[in-house]
């Protein structure tokens, strides 16, 4: 007869515990894969949102330009007025965070109030940079895979693509007809 006081695991209990551990590990692995896919999708959406915000800001700035100087592969240079130049005199001074400038004399040279702005694609770092007359280059948008400006008549078309995605964003900007 067998001794019933012998304690321990038999082969059946061991196999059952291995099957249960395998099921639990399979569930954990599937949850990890789903979480990883969600993380990648979230990162791609944030890239696309950042690029979309950049293109909207860029289009506002270019549509305010006085003159487009150069449009080449991966770069756009235009001239615009200095920020704050058009402060309205009727604006209550208490509402403005800066002091109103003194009125300009009638014979003042307006060309000193016009500054060049240069956007360019930094291929090594995969980002679009903005350079202004008085400021050093500053990063505008990171993780960009493509930045292609093209012009047709008075329509500037910008195609940009996030670095890790296949779909690109395209925006068209109607260029102003003013000159300084």
Protein backbone atom coordinates (compact mmCIF):
# COMPACT_ATOMS: atom_id res chain seq x y z
CA UNK A 1 0.00 0.00 0.00
CA UNK A 2 0.96 3.58 -0.57
CA UNK A 3 1.87 5.78 2.28
CA UNK A 4 -0.64 8.66 2.31
CA UNK A 5 1.50 10.82 4.53
CA UNK A 6 3.97 11.37 1.67
CA UNK A 7 3.63 15.04 0.78
CA UNK A 8 4.74 16.62 -2.48
CA UNK A 9 3.71 17.23 -6.03
CA UNK A 10 2.91 14.50 -8.43
CA UNK A 11 3.33 14.61 -12.15
CA UNK A 12 -0.31 15.56 -12.68
CA UNK A 13 -0.13 18.55 -10.33
CA UNK A 14 3.14 19.71 -11.93
CA UNK A 15 1.68 19.55 -15.45
CA UNK A 16 -1.46 21.37 -14.35
CA UNK A 17 0.58 24.16 -12.74
CA UNK A 18 2.73 24.50 -15.91
CA UNK A 19 -0.40 24.80 -18.06
CA UNK A 20 -1.83 27.48 -15.75
CA UNK A 21 1.45 29.41 -15.76
CA UNK A 22 1.51 29.19 -19.58
CA UNK A 23 -2.01 30.58 -19.83
CA UNK A 24 -1.21 33.46 -17.49
CA UNK A 25 2.01 34.26 -19.42
CA UNK A 26 0.10 34.22 -22.74
CA UNK A 27 -2.44 36.70 -21.34
CA UNK A 28 0.35 38.96 -20.03
CA UNK A 29 2.21 38.80 -23.38
CA UNK A 30 -0.93 39.79 -25.32
CA UNK A 31 -1.57 42.68 -22.96
CA UNK A 32 2.04 43.84 -23.37
CA UNK A 33 1.75 43.69 -27.18
CA UNK A 34 -1.49 45.70 -27.09
CA UNK A 35 0.11 48.27 -24.80
CA UNK A 36 3.14 48.52 -27.10
CA UNK A 37 0.91 49.06 -30.17
CA UNK A 38 -1.04 51.73 -28.28
CA UNK A 39 2.20 53.48 -27.30
CA UNK A 40 3.44 53.51 -30.91
CA UNK A 41 0.08 54.83 -32.17
CA UNK A 42 0.10 57.55 -29.51
CA UNK A 43 3.64 58.60 -30.46
CA UNK A 44 2.72 58.75 -34.16
CA UNK A 45 -0.38 60.83 -33.42
CA UNK A 46 1.65 63.26 -31.31
CA UNK A 47 4.17 63.59 -34.17
CA UNK A 48 1.36 64.31 -36.62
CA UNK A 49 -0.24 66.82 -34.24
CA UNK A 50 3.08 68.64 -33.72
CA UNK A 51 3.66 68.81 -37.47
CA UNK A 52 0.10 70.00 -38.08
CA UNK A 53 0.52 72.76 -35.49
CA UNK A 54 3.83 73.77 -37.08
CA UNK A 55 2.26 73.96 -40.55
CA UNK A 56 -0.60 76.10 -39.23
CA UNK A 57 1.87 78.50 -37.52
CA UNK A 58 4.08 78.54 -40.61
CA UNK A 59 1.14 79.32 -42.91
CA UNK A 60 0.04 82.23 -40.68
CA UNK A 61 3.55 83.66 -40.70
CA UNK A 62 4.07 83.26 -44.47
CA UNK A 63 0.64 84.67 -45.32
CA UNK A 64 1.73 87.77 -43.37
CA UNK A 65 4.95 88.08 -45.40
CA UNK A 66 5.72 91.18 -47.39
CA UNK A 67 7.83 89.40 -49.96
CA UNK A 68 8.93 85.82 -50.62
CA UNK A 69 12.65 85.94 -51.37
CA UNK A 70 13.56 82.33 -52.03
CA UNK A 71 11.82 78.98 -52.23
CA UNK A 72 14.13 76.07 -52.80
CA UNK A 73 14.19 72.40 -51.92
CA UNK A 74 13.70 72.23 -48.16
CA UNK A 75 13.83 75.97 -47.47
CA UNK A 76 11.71 79.12 -47.61
CA UNK A 77 12.99 82.68 -47.05
CA UNK A 78 10.66 85.64 -46.79
CA UNK A 79 10.63 89.19 -45.46
CA UNK A 80 8.17 90.42 -42.88
CA UNK A 81 7.69 93.39 -40.58
CA UNK A 82 9.03 93.33 -37.06
CA UNK A 83 6.53 92.00 -34.51
CA UNK A 84 4.75 94.80 -32.66
CA UNK A 85 5.23 97.31 -35.47
CA UNK A 86 1.52 97.57 -36.14
CA UNK A 87 0.42 98.21 -32.55
CA UNK A 88 -2.79 100.16 -32.71
CA UNK A 89 -2.74 103.58 -31.07
CA UNK A 90 -6.35 103.21 -29.92
CA UNK A 91 -5.50 100.16 -27.82
CA UNK A 92 -5.63 100.99 -24.10
CA UNK A 93 -2.06 100.85 -22.83
CA UNK A 94 -3.10 99.02 -19.66
CA UNK A 95 -4.22 96.01 -21.69
CA UNK A 96 -0.91 95.59 -23.52
CA UNK A 97 1.98 93.66 -21.95
CA UNK A 98 4.49 96.03 -23.60
CA UNK A 99 4.88 99.76 -23.99
CA UNK A 100 3.58 101.37 -27.14
CA UNK A 101 6.41 102.66 -29.35
CA UNK A 102 6.66 106.36 -30.06
CA UNK A 103 4.96 107.38 -33.29
CA UNK A 104 7.19 107.06 -36.34
CA UNK A 105 8.21 110.25 -38.15
CA UNK A 106 6.65 110.58 -41.60
CA UNK A 107 10.01 110.44 -43.39
CA UNK A 108 11.26 107.30 -41.63
CA UNK A 109 12.81 104.56 -43.75
CA UNK A 110 10.45 101.60 -43.50
CA UNK A 111 13.03 99.07 -44.68
CA UNK A 112 14.64 98.95 -41.23
CA UNK A 113 11.38 97.54 -39.87
CA UNK A 114 11.48 94.63 -42.33
CA UNK A 115 13.39 91.50 -41.31
CA UNK A 116 14.19 88.32 -43.23
CA UNK A 117 12.94 85.00 -41.84
CA UNK A 118 14.40 81.71 -43.07
CA UNK A 119 12.82 78.28 -42.55
CA UNK A 120 14.98 75.33 -43.54
CA UNK A 121 15.03 71.57 -43.22
CA UNK A 122 17.99 70.23 -41.25
CA UNK A 123 18.44 66.83 -42.89
CA UNK A 124 21.05 65.59 -40.39
CA UNK A 125 18.85 66.19 -37.34
CA UNK A 126 15.52 65.63 -39.15
CA UNK A 127 13.92 68.87 -38.01
CA UNK A 128 12.69 72.15 -39.44
CA UNK A 129 14.52 75.19 -38.12
CA UNK A 130 13.59 78.88 -38.12
CA UNK A 131 16.22 81.60 -38.38
CA UNK A 132 15.50 85.28 -37.95
CA UNK A 133 17.78 88.29 -38.35
CA UNK A 134 18.42 88.85 -34.64
CA UNK A 135 17.90 85.31 -33.32
CA UNK A 136 20.10 82.29 -33.68
CA UNK A 137 18.54 79.24 -35.31
CA UNK A 138 15.81 77.78 -33.17
CA UNK A 139 14.09 74.45 -33.45
CA UNK A 140 10.55 74.66 -34.70
CA UNK A 141 9.53 71.06 -35.36
CA UNK A 142 11.38 67.81 -34.55
CA UNK A 143 11.20 64.32 -36.08
CA UNK A 144 10.36 65.47 -39.59
CA UNK A 145 10.98 63.08 -42.45
CA UNK A 146 10.16 65.42 -45.33
CA UNK A 147 9.74 69.19 -45.82
CA UNK A 148 9.16 70.21 -49.43
CA UNK A 149 7.99 73.70 -50.41
CA UNK A 150 6.84 74.42 -53.95
CA UNK A 151 5.21 77.45 -55.54
CA UNK A 152 2.73 77.73 -58.36
CA UNK A 153 1.68 81.28 -59.15
CA UNK A 154 0.72 82.81 -55.79
CA UNK A 155 0.07 79.48 -54.06
CA UNK A 156 2.83 78.09 -51.83
CA UNK A 157 2.36 74.39 -51.14
CA UNK A 158 4.19 72.75 -48.26
CA UNK A 159 4.39 68.97 -47.99
CA UNK A 160 5.66 67.65 -44.69
CA UNK A 161 5.81 64.17 -43.28
CA UNK A 162 6.51 62.89 -39.77
CA UNK A 163 9.71 60.84 -39.66
CA UNK A 164 8.17 57.50 -38.71
CA UNK A 165 4.96 57.66 -40.72
CA UNK A 166 4.13 57.13 -44.36
CA UNK A 167 1.28 59.66 -44.66
CA UNK A 168 2.30 63.26 -45.28
CA UNK A 169 0.51 66.51 -44.48
CA UNK A 170 0.02 69.08 -47.24
CA UNK A 171 -0.96 72.71 -46.76
CA UNK A 172 -1.45 75.46 -49.32
CA UNK A 173 -0.83 79.11 -48.54
CA UNK A 174 -2.08 82.00 -50.63
CA UNK A 175 0.86 84.38 -50.89
CA UNK A 176 0.20 88.08 -50.28
CA UNK A 177 0.58 90.58 -53.11
CA UNK A 178 2.17 93.36 -51.07
CA UNK A 179 5.72 94.60 -51.16
CA UNK A 180 7.58 96.68 -48.55
